[in-house]
C-alpha atoms as a PDB file:
ATOM      1  CA  MET A   1       0.066   0.036  -0.194  1.00  0.00           C
ATOM      2  CA  ALA A   2       1.448   3.599  -1.384  1.00  0.00           C
ATOM      3  CA  ALA A   3       1.276   5.442   2.070  1.00  0.00           C
ATOM      4  CA  GLY A   4       0.738   8.863   1.491  1.00  0.00           C
ATOM      5  CA  SER A   5      -2.656   8.805   0.015  1.00  0.00           C
ATOM      6  CA  GLY A   6      -4.664   5.836   1.939  1.00  0.00           C
ATOM      7  CA  ASP A   7      -3.314   6.459   4.945  1.00  0.00           C
ATOM      8  CA  ALA A   8      -4.633  10.081   5.265  1.00  0.00           C
ATOM      9  CA  GLY A   9      -8.017   8.827   5.159  1.00  0.00           C
ATOM     10  CA  GLY A  10      -9.246  11.041   2.053  1.00  0.00           C
ATOM     11  CA  ARG A  11      -8.389  14.458   4.055  1.00  0.00           C
ATOM     12  CA  ALA A  12      -6.957  17.172   2.757  1.00  0.00           C
ATOM     13  CA  PRO A  13      -3.151  17.886   3.330  1.00  0.00           C
ATOM     14  CA  LEU A  14      -2.508  20.775   6.380  1.00  0.00           C
ATOM     15  CA  ASP A  15      -2.756  24.284   4.997  1.00  0.00           C
ATOM     16  CA  GLY A  16       0.550  25.830   5.384  1.00  0.00           C
ATOM     17  CA  ARG A  17      -0.575  28.059   8.647  1.00  0.00           C
ATOM     18  CA  THR A  18      -0.992  25.188  10.337  1.00  0.00           C
ATOM     19  CA  VAL A  19       1.933  23.815   8.684  1.00  0.00           C
ATOM     20  CA  THR A  20       4.007  27.006   9.947  1.00  0.00           C
ATOM     21  CA  ALA A  21       2.418  26.986  13.467  1.00  0.00           C
ATOM     22  CA  TYR A  22       3.609  22.926  13.989  1.00  0.00           C
ATOM     23  CA  LEU A  23       7.184  23.774  13.277  1.00  0.00           C
ATOM     24  CA  ALA A  24       7.582  26.823  15.515  1.00  0.00           C
ATOM     25  CA  ARG A  25       6.003  24.237  17.888  1.00  0.00           C
ATOM     26  CA  ILE A  26       8.784  22.122  17.696  1.00  0.00           C
ATOM     27  CA  GLY A  27      11.082  24.942  17.153  1.00  0.00           C
ATOM     28  CA  ALA A  28      12.217  23.715  13.608  1.00  0.00           C
ATOM     29  CA  ARG A  29      12.523  25.256  10.260  1.00  0.00           C
ATOM     30  CA  ARG A  30      10.603  24.376   7.244  1.00  0.00           C
ATOM     31  CA  PRO A  31      12.192  22.112   5.140  1.00  0.00           C
ATOM     32  CA  ALA A  32      13.528  22.886   1.596  1.00  0.00           C
ATOM     33  CA  ARG A  33      13.069  19.212   0.504  1.00  0.00           C
ATOM     34  CA  PRO A  34      11.837  15.618   2.267  1.00  0.00           C
ATOM     35  CA  THR A  35      15.305  14.453   3.103  1.00  0.00           C
ATOM     36  CA  ALA A  36      16.171  11.860   5.690  1.00  0.00           C
ATOM     37  CA  GLU A  37      18.468  14.869   7.741  1.00  0.00           C
ATOM     38  CA  ALA A  38      15.314  17.047   7.923  1.00  0.00           C
ATOM     39  CA  LEU A  39      13.094  14.430   9.121  1.00  0.00           C
ATOM     40  CA  ALA A  40      16.095  13.338  11.875  1.00  0.00           C
ATOM     41  CA  GLU A  41      15.911  16.794  12.801  1.00  0.00           C
ATOM     42  CA  LEU A  42      12.089  17.188  12.983  1.00  0.00           C
ATOM     43  CA  HIS A  43      12.257  13.835  14.917  1.00  0.00           C
ATOM     44  CA  GLU A  44      14.091  14.684  17.710  1.00  0.00           C
ATOM     45  CA  ARG A  45      12.647  18.456  18.093  1.00  0.00           C
ATOM     46  CA  HIS A  46       9.505  16.872  17.793  1.00  0.00           C
ATOM     47  CA  VAL A  47      10.481  14.432  21.027  1.00  0.00           C
ATOM     48  CA  MET A  48      12.460  16.996  22.965  1.00  0.00           C
ATOM     49  CA  ALA A  49       9.836  19.703  22.838  1.00  0.00           C
ATOM     50  CA  VAL A  50       6.158  17.889  23.121  1.00  0.00           C
ATOM     51  CA  PRO A  51       5.658  15.872  26.393  1.00  0.00           C
ATOM     52  CA  PHE A  52       4.312  12.185  26.169  1.00  0.00           C
ATOM     53  CA  GLU A  53       1.703  12.480  29.012  1.00  0.00           C
ATOM     54  CA  ASN A  54      -1.809  11.789  29.438  1.00  0.00           C
ATOM     55  CA  VAL A  55      -3.343  14.706  31.850  1.00  0.00           C
ATOM     56  CA  ASP A  56      -6.538  15.175  30.040  1.00  0.00           C
ATOM     57  CA  PHE A  57      -7.333  11.114  30.846  1.00  0.00           C
ATOM     58  CA  HIS A  58      -7.335  12.364  34.407  1.00  0.00           C
ATOM     59  CA  LEU A  59      -9.416  15.242  33.932  1.00  0.00           C
ATOM     60  CA  ARG A  60     -11.844  13.798  31.791  1.00  0.00           C
ATOM     61  CA  LYS A  61     -11.529  16.117  29.328  1.00  0.00           C
ATOM     62  CA  PRO A  62     -12.670  15.499  25.385  1.00  0.00           C
ATOM     63  CA  MET A  63      -9.577  14.263  23.364  1.00  0.00           C
ATOM     64  CA  ASP A  64      -8.876  13.255  19.875  1.00  0.00           C
ATOM     65  CA  ILE A  65      -6.359  11.177  17.431  1.00  0.00           C
ATOM     66  CA  GLY A  66      -4.316  11.974  14.358  1.00  0.00           C
ATOM     67  CA  ALA A  67      -5.191  15.427  12.797  1.00  0.00           C
ATOM     68  CA  GLY A  68      -7.495  15.998  15.256  1.00  0.00           C
ATOM     69  CA  ALA A  69      -4.762  15.875  18.236  1.00  0.00           C
ATOM     70  CA  ILE A  70      -2.688  18.662  16.435  1.00  0.00           C
ATOM     71  CA  GLU A  71      -5.191  21.653  17.713  1.00  0.00           C
ATOM     72  CA  LYS A  72      -4.241  20.620  21.629  1.00  0.00           C
ATOM     73  CA  ILE A  73      -0.507  20.099  20.561  1.00  0.00           C
ATOM     74  CA  VAL A  74       0.206  23.243  18.716  1.00  0.00           C
ATOM     75  CA  THR A  75      -2.608  25.711  19.994  1.00  0.00           C
ATOM     76  CA  ARG A  76      -2.665  24.651  23.327  1.00  0.00           C
ATOM     77  CA  ARG A  77       1.158  23.727  23.722  1.00  0.00           C
ATOM     78  CA  ARG A  78       0.159  20.155  25.504  1.00  0.00           C
ATOM     79  CA  GLY A  79       1.697  16.591  24.747  1.00  0.00           C
ATOM     80  CA  GLY A  80      -0.598  13.415  24.333  1.00  0.00           C
ATOM     81  CA  THR A  81       0.141   9.755  23.971  1.00  0.00           C
ATOM     82  CA  CYS A  82       1.000   7.613  20.959  1.00  0.00           C
ATOM     83  CA  TYR A  83      -2.228   8.153  18.985  1.00  0.00           C
ATOM     84  CA  GLU A  84      -2.019  12.053  19.567  1.00  0.00           C
ATOM     85  CA  LEU A  85       1.539  12.317  18.856  1.00  0.00           C
ATOM     86  CA  ASN A  86       2.386  10.197  16.239  1.00  0.00           C
ATOM     87  CA  GLY A  87      -1.168  10.687  14.613  1.00  0.00           C
ATOM     88  CA  ALA A  88      -0.698  14.786  14.491  1.00  0.00           C
ATOM     89  CA  PHE A  89       3.210  14.314  13.535  1.00  0.00           C
ATOM     90  CA  SER A  90       2.309  12.217  10.565  1.00  0.00           C
ATOM     91  CA  GLU A  91       0.125  14.764   9.067  1.00  0.00           C
ATOM     92  CA  LEU A  92       3.091  17.032   8.998  1.00  0.00           C
ATOM     93  CA  LEU A  93       5.197  15.052   7.752  1.00  0.00           C
ATOM     94  CA  ARG A  94       2.629  14.573   4.628  1.00  0.00           C
ATOM     95  CA  ALA A  95       2.038  18.209   4.192  1.00  0.00           C
ATOM     96  CA  LEU A  96       5.911  18.397   3.891  1.00  0.00           C
ATOM     97  CA  GLY A  97       6.136  15.763   1.113  1.00  0.00           C
ATOM     98  CA  TYR A  98       7.574  12.375   3.295  1.00  0.00           C
ATOM     99  CA  ASP A  99       6.098   9.119   2.332  1.00  0.00           C
ATOM    100  CA  VAL A 100       4.267   7.871   5.610  1.00  0.00           C
ATOM    101  CA  THR A 101       2.602   4.481   6.545  1.00  0.00           C
ATOM    102  CA  VAL A 102       0.792   4.242   9.656  1.00  0.00           C
ATOM    103  CA  LEU A 103       1.714   0.950  11.524  1.00  0.00           C
ATOM    104  CA  ALA A 104       0.576  -0.578  14.727  1.00  0.00           C
ATOM    105  CA  GLY A 105       2.744  -1.902  17.425  1.00  0.00           C
ATOM    106  CA  ARG A 106       2.110  -4.387  20.604  1.00  0.00           C
ATOM    107  CA  VAL A 107       3.775  -3.011  23.698  1.00  0.00           C
ATOM    108  CA  ILE A 108       5.719  -5.313  25.124  1.00  0.00           C
ATOM    109  CA  GLU A 109       5.881  -5.764  29.281  1.00  0.00           C
ATOM    110  CA  HIS A 110       8.143  -8.679  31.069  1.00  0.00           C
ATOM    111  CA  GLY A 111       8.507 -10.137  27.856  1.00  0.00           C
ATOM    112  CA  VAL A 112       4.617 -10.487  26.673  1.00  0.00           C
ATOM    113  CA  PRO A 113       2.913  -8.482  24.023  1.00  0.00           C
ATOM    114  CA  GLY A 114      -0.161  -5.793  25.231  1.00  0.00           C
ATOM    115  CA  PRO A 115      -3.187  -5.546  23.340  1.00  0.00           C
ATOM    116  CA  VAL A 116      -3.321  -5.714  19.393  1.00  0.00           C
ATOM    117  CA  LEU A 117      -3.092  -1.593  18.409  1.00  0.00           C
ATOM    118  CA  GLY A 118      -1.837  -0.804  21.642  1.00  0.00           C
ATOM    119  CA  HIS A 119       0.612   1.367  19.823  1.00  0.00           C
ATOM    120  CA  MET A 120       0.996   3.973  16.594  1.00  0.00           C
ATOM    121  CA  LEU A 121       3.808   4.366  14.878  1.00  0.00           C
ATOM    122  CA  LEU A 122       4.699   5.547  11.751  1.00  0.00           C
ATOM    123  CA  ARG A 123       7.007   3.778   8.628  1.00  0.00           C
ATOM    124  CA  VAL A 124       8.213   7.344   6.468  1.00  0.00           C
ATOM    125  CA  VAL A 125      10.320   7.029   3.309  1.00  0.00           C
ATOM    126  CA  ALA A 126      12.385   9.984   2.692  1.00  0.00           C
ATOM    127  CA  GLY A 127      12.979  11.951  -0.876  1.00  0.00           C
ATOM    128  CA  ASP A 128      16.366  11.161  -1.115  1.00  0.00           C
ATOM    129  CA  SER A 129      16.490   7.872   1.086  1.00  0.00           C
ATOM    130  CA  PRO A 130      16.037   4.419  -0.660  1.00  0.00           C
ATOM    131  CA  TYR A 131      14.855   2.686   2.267  1.00  0.00           C
ATOM    132  CA  PRO A 132      12.164   3.501   4.953  1.00  0.00           C
ATOM    133  CA  TRP A 133      12.673   5.014   8.469  1.00  0.00           C
ATOM    134  CA  LEU A 134      10.855   3.876  11.857  1.00  0.00           C
ATOM    135  CA  VAL A 135       9.169   7.191  13.535  1.00  0.00           C
ATOM    136  CA  ASP A 136       7.902   7.154  16.058  1.00  0.00           C
ATOM    137  CA  VAL A 137       7.212  10.663  18.699  1.00  0.00           C
ATOM    138  CA  GLY A 138       4.793   8.918  21.091  1.00  0.00           C
ATOM    139  CA  TYR A 139       6.595   6.239  22.995  1.00  0.00           C
ATOM    140  CA  GLY A 140       8.139   7.780  26.334  1.00  0.00           C
ATOM    141  CA  ARG A 141      11.269   5.126  25.902  1.00  0.00           C
ATOM    142  CA  GLY A 142      11.580   5.309  22.274  1.00  0.00           C
ATOM    143  CA  ALA A 143      14.583   6.652  20.262  1.00  0.00           C
ATOM    144  CA  ARG A 144      15.840  10.234  19.780  1.00  0.00           C
ATOM    145  CA  ARG A 145      15.801   9.970  16.193  1.00  0.00           C
ATOM    146  CA  PRO A 146      14.702   7.921  13.321  1.00  0.00           C
ATOM    147  CA  LEU A 147      15.777   4.594  12.995  1.00  0.00           C
ATOM    148  CA  ARG A 148      16.506   1.993   9.685  1.00  0.00           C
ATOM    149  CA  PHE A 149      13.488   0.231   9.365  1.00  0.00           C
ATOM    150  CA  ASP A 150      15.503  -2.034   6.608  1.00  0.00           C
ATOM    151  CA  SER A 151      18.829  -2.780   9.387  1.00  0.00           C
ATOM    152  CA  SER A 152      18.351  -5.588  12.004  1.00  0.00           C
ATOM    153  CA  GLU A 153      21.960  -4.217  13.037  1.00  0.00           C
ATOM    154  CA  PRO A 154      22.048  -2.146  16.355  1.00  0.00           C
ATOM    155  CA  GLN A 155      21.475   1.233  16.050  1.00  0.00           C
ATOM    156  CA  ALA A 156      23.113   3.669  17.977  1.00  0.00           C
ATOM    157  CA  ASP A 157      20.725   6.476  19.731  1.00  0.00           C
ATOM    158  CA  PRO A 158      21.109   9.230  22.609  1.00  0.00           C
ATOM    159  CA  HIS A 159      18.713   6.992  24.242  1.00  0.00           C
ATOM    160  CA  GLY A 160      20.011   3.635  23.943  1.00  0.00           C
ATOM    161  CA  VAL A 161      20.815   1.161  21.199  1.00  0.00           C
ATOM    162  CA  PHE A 162      17.928  -0.045  19.547  1.00  0.00           C
ATOM    163  CA  ARG A 163      17.556  -2.901  17.007  1.00  0.00           C
ATOM    164  CA  LEU A 164      14.769  -4.377  15.345  1.00  0.00           C
ATOM    165  CA  ALA A 165      14.937  -8.179  15.506  1.00  0.00           C
ATOM    166  CA  GLY A 166      12.725 -10.541  13.350  1.00  0.00           C
ATOM    167  CA  GLY A 167      11.263 -13.922  14.164  1.00  0.00           C
ATOM    168  CA  ALA A 168       7.773 -12.623  15.360  1.00  0.00           C
ATOM    169  CA  PRO A 169       4.929 -14.261  14.146  1.00  0.00           C
ATOM    170  CA  TYR A 170       3.097 -13.409  10.969  1.00  0.00           C
ATOM    171  CA  GLY A 171       6.344 -11.629   9.764  1.00  0.00           C
ATOM    172  CA  ASP A 172       6.548  -8.817  12.753  1.00  0.00           C
ATOM    173  CA  LEU A 173       9.332  -7.064  14.029  1.00  0.00           C
ATOM    174  CA  ASP A 174      10.281  -6.721  17.639  1.00  0.00           C
ATOM    175  CA  LEU A 175      11.983  -3.415  18.997  1.00  0.00           C
ATOM    176  CA  LEU A 176      14.709  -3.627  21.698  1.00  0.00           C
ATOM    177  CA  ARG A 177      16.566  -1.055  23.392  1.00  0.00           C
ATOM    178  CA  ASP A 178      19.607  -1.882  24.957  1.00  0.00           C
ATOM    179  CA  GLU A 179      18.370  -5.462  24.069  1.00  0.00           C
ATOM    180  CA  VAL A 180      15.209  -5.109  26.561  1.00  0.00           C
ATOM    181  CA  PRO A 181      11.922  -5.523  23.919  1.00  0.00           C
ATOM    182  CA  GLN A 182      10.036  -2.488  23.975  1.00  0.00           C
ATOM    183  CA  TYR A 183       7.267  -3.180  21.510  1.00  0.00           C
ATOM    184  CA  ARG A 184       6.395  -5.287  18.500  1.00  0.00           C
ATOM    185  CA  ILE A 185       5.387  -3.721  15.086  1.00  0.00           C
ATOM    186  CA  GLU A 186       2.580  -5.301  12.756  1.00  0.00           C
ATOM    187  CA  ALA A 187       4.416  -5.840   8.923  1.00  0.00           C
ATOM    188  CA  ARG A 188       0.673  -4.304   7.724  1.00  0.00           C
ATOM    189  CA  PRO A 189      -0.019  -0.820   7.242  1.00  0.00           C
ATOM    190  CA  ARG A 190      -2.947   0.781   9.178  1.00  0.00           C
ATOM    191  CA  THR A 191      -5.119   4.026   9.018  1.00  0.00           C
ATOM    192  CA  VAL A 192      -5.456   6.483  12.319  1.00  0.00           C
ATOM    193  CA  GLU A 193      -9.283   5.632  12.169  1.00  0.00           C
ATOM    194  CA  ASP A 194      -7.654   1.623  12.585  1.00  0.00           C
ATOM    195  CA  PHE A 195      -7.147   2.530  16.325  1.00  0.00           C
ATOM    196  CA  THR A 196     -10.665   4.599  17.341  1.00  0.00           C
ATOM    197  CA  HIS A 197     -11.821   1.534  19.180  1.00  0.00           C
ATOM    198  CA  MET A 198      -8.606   0.598  21.225  1.00  0.00           C
ATOM    199  CA  TRP A 199      -8.668   4.721  21.711  1.00  0.00           C
ATOM    200  CA  TRP A 200     -12.383   4.393  23.659  1.00  0.00           C
ATOM    201  CA  TRP A 201     -10.550   1.636  25.588  1.00  0.00           C
ATOM    202  CA  TYR A 202      -8.276   3.588  26.552  1.00  0.00           C
ATOM    203  CA  CYS A 203     -10.306   6.434  27.599  1.00  0.00           C
ATOM    204  CA  ASN A 204     -12.854   4.535  29.268  1.00  0.00           C
ATOM    205  CA  PHE A 205     -11.567   0.982  30.869  1.00  0.00           C
ATOM    206  CA  PRO A 206     -10.806   1.210  34.282  1.00  0.00           C
ATOM    207  CA  GLY A 207      -8.060  -0.588  33.809  1.00  0.00           C
ATOM    208  CA  SER A 208      -6.809   1.397  31.049  1.00  0.00           C
ATOM    209  CA  PRO A 209      -3.009   2.107  31.761  1.00  0.00           C
ATOM    210  CA  HIS A 210      -3.754   5.680  31.006  1.00  0.00           C
ATOM    211  CA  LEU A 211      -6.345   5.660  33.367  1.00  0.00           C
ATOM    212  CA  THR A 212      -4.112   3.851  36.093  1.00  0.00           C
ATOM    213  CA  HIS A 213      -1.434   6.122  35.657  1.00  0.00           C
ATOM    214  CA  LEU A 214      -0.472   9.647  35.603  1.00  0.00           C
ATOM    215  CA  TYR A 215       2.279  10.996  34.050  1.00  0.00           C
ATOM    216  CA  CYS A 216       4.197  13.851  32.255  1.00  0.00           C
ATOM    217  CA  THR A 217       7.812  13.282  30.608  1.00  0.00           C
ATOM    218  CA  LEU A 218      10.226  14.744  28.352  1.00  0.00           C
ATOM    219  CA  PRO A 219      13.688  14.276  27.700  1.00  0.00           C
ATOM    220  CA  THR A 220      16.789  16.329  28.359  1.00  0.00           C
ATOM    221  CA  PRO A 221      19.897  16.465  26.478  1.00  0.00           C
ATOM    222  CA  THR A 222      21.646  13.862  29.357  1.00  0.00           C
ATOM    223  CA  GLY A 223      18.151  12.748  31.058  1.00  0.00           C
ATOM    224  CA  ARG A 224      14.618  13.041  31.355  1.00  0.00           C
ATOM    225  CA  VAL A 225      12.141  14.787  33.910  1.00  0.00           C
ATOM    226  CA  THR A 226       9.168  13.019  35.027  1.00  0.00           C
ATOM    227  CA  LEU A 227       6.285  14.198  36.986  1.00  0.00           C
ATOM    228  CA  SER A 228       3.803  11.247  38.208  1.00  0.00           C
ATOM    229  CA  GLY A 229       1.487  12.954  40.755  1.00  0.00           C
ATOM    230  CA  ASP A 230       3.003  15.024  42.962  1.00  0.00           C
ATOM    231  CA  THR A 231       6.407  12.943  42.555  1.00  0.00           C
ATOM    232  CA  LEU A 232       8.916  15.040  40.239  1.00  0.00           C
ATOM    233  CA  SER A 233      11.554  12.287  38.989  1.00  0.00           C
ATOM    234  CA  VAL A 234      14.786  14.319  37.285  1.00  0.00           C
ATOM    235  CA  ARG A 235      17.599  12.270  35.644  1.00  0.00           C
ATOM    236  CA  GLU A 236      20.680  14.467  34.482  1.00  0.00           C
ATOM    237  CA  ALA A 237      23.927  12.650  33.574  1.00  0.00           C
ATOM    238  CA  GLY A 238      23.320   9.378  35.266  1.00  0.00           C
ATOM    239  CA  ARG A 239      22.506  11.411  38.702  1.00  0.00           C
ATOM    240  CA  ARG A 240      18.693  10.567  39.728  1.00  0.00           C
ATOM    241  CA  GLU A 241      16.823  13.183  42.067  1.00  0.00           C
ATOM    242  CA  LYS A 242      13.409  12.002  42.985  1.00  0.00           C
ATOM    243  CA  ARG A 243      11.086  14.278  45.532  1.00  0.00           C
ATOM    244  CA  VAL A 244       7.521  14.663  46.662  1.00  0.00           C
ATOM    245  CA  LEU A 245       6.022  18.075  46.385  1.00  0.00           C
ATOM    246  CA  ALA A 246       4.641  20.735  48.462  1.00  0.00           C
ATOM    247  CA  GLY A 247       1.181  21.499  47.256  1.00  0.00           C
ATOM    248  CA  ASP A 248      -0.950  21.915  44.226  1.00  0.00           C
ATOM    249  CA  GLU A 249       0.711  25.771  43.300  1.00  0.00           C
ATOM    250  CA  GLU A 250       4.452  23.646  43.466  1.00  0.00           C
ATOM    251  CA  VAL A 251       3.189  20.795  40.910  1.00  0.00           C
ATOM    252  CA  ARG A 252       1.378  23.675  38.504  1.00  0.00           C
ATOM    253  CA  ALA A 253       4.900  25.121  38.852  1.00  0.00           C
ATOM    254  CA  ALA A 254       6.657  22.075  38.108  1.00  0.00           C
ATOM    255  CA  TYR A 255       4.231  21.412  34.343  1.00  0.00           C
ATOM    256  CA  ARG A 256       5.031  24.751  34.105  1.00  0.00           C
ATOM    257  CA  THR A 257       8.556  24.975  34.353  1.00  0.00           C
ATOM    258  CA  TRP A 258       9.511  21.437  33.362  1.00  0.00           C
ATOM    259  CA  PHE A 259       7.186  20.741  30.257  1.00  0.00           C
ATOM    260  CA  GLY A 260       5.899  23.961  29.200  1.00  0.00           C
ATOM    261  CA  LEU A 261       2.344  23.069  30.370  1.00  0.00           C
ATOM    262  CA  ASP A 262       0.113  25.611  31.850  1.00  0.00           C
ATOM    263  CA  LEU A 263      -3.035  24.338  33.390  1.00  0.00           C
ATOM    264  CA  ASP A 264      -5.872  25.394  34.301  1.00  0.00           C
ATOM    265  CA  GLU A 265      -6.653  22.556  36.612  1.00  0.00           C
ATOM    266  CA  LEU A 266      -4.784  19.882  37.907  1.00  0.00           C
ATOM    267  CA  PRO A 267      -5.354  16.135  37.383  1.00  0.00           C
ATOM    268  CA  PRO A 268      -6.194  14.159  40.092  1.00  0.00           C
ATOM    269  CA  PRO A 269      -5.041  11.324  41.085  1.00  0.00           C
ATOM    270  CA  PRO A 270      -5.469   7.754  39.688  1.00  0.00           C
ATOM    271  CA  ALA A 271      -8.704   6.107  41.406  1.00  0.00           C
ATOM    272  CA  PRO A 272      -7.148   2.746  42.947  1.00  0.00           C
ATOM    273  CA  LEU A 273      -8.689  -0.118  41.130  1.00  0.00           C
ATOM    274  CA  GLU A 274     -11.245  -2.110  43.141  1.00  0.00           C
ATOM    275  CA  PRO A 275      -9.856  -5.949  43.864  1.00  0.00           C
END
């Protein structure tokens, strides 16, 4: 399946004003051509600027995926989860001339793959590159830069050493980080609309990981900062500091200072699951 048209679901490409605003949101220049080098810069800037966060799940606010998430990310300067971040980024890349295919993944925890369609990622072909790239700006333990999709060799990245391993059923691939499996990638192409039912499950099922955990996380040049409820963890240059914040105003300031999120309302802590 050719990526450029089918995965867009028949929608018109983003208009020039939206593209300009999106690029400004991630601090990137508009590339002259859809090259592999430009893709790497766009990917890195997106990962470093837009937090992976699920605050609105806990505020019970309406959310959307794919192109529908752009207003949240760009205008409201928020982050999101994989369906939002990778879905929106796919629209930006198409508007810039890249060939994009949406793919599904299954997050692997303790060696066991999770639900089908549990993760969204992208396969991207640049105008000057004969091979495809794995693009994922919506995974908290993902690479900072795109990975070669056609290589099984280890690929060094500021966030670890990644490797795509074959041998999974049905021609699927496993992505490993420092030899620890991260997620399993389906071989077949998908559309953003394919994830709608799983999105409902994430938003509404009490046992959904987005409702049982509250987080906001963003890489830094030498580490990562994560806010989980009122607990702030900062890892820099191999050192880690973890502390509980004192009261709502300190929590609100942490969202603003570390992640650029100016929240009118703070999310409540996740409700405990009934036994």
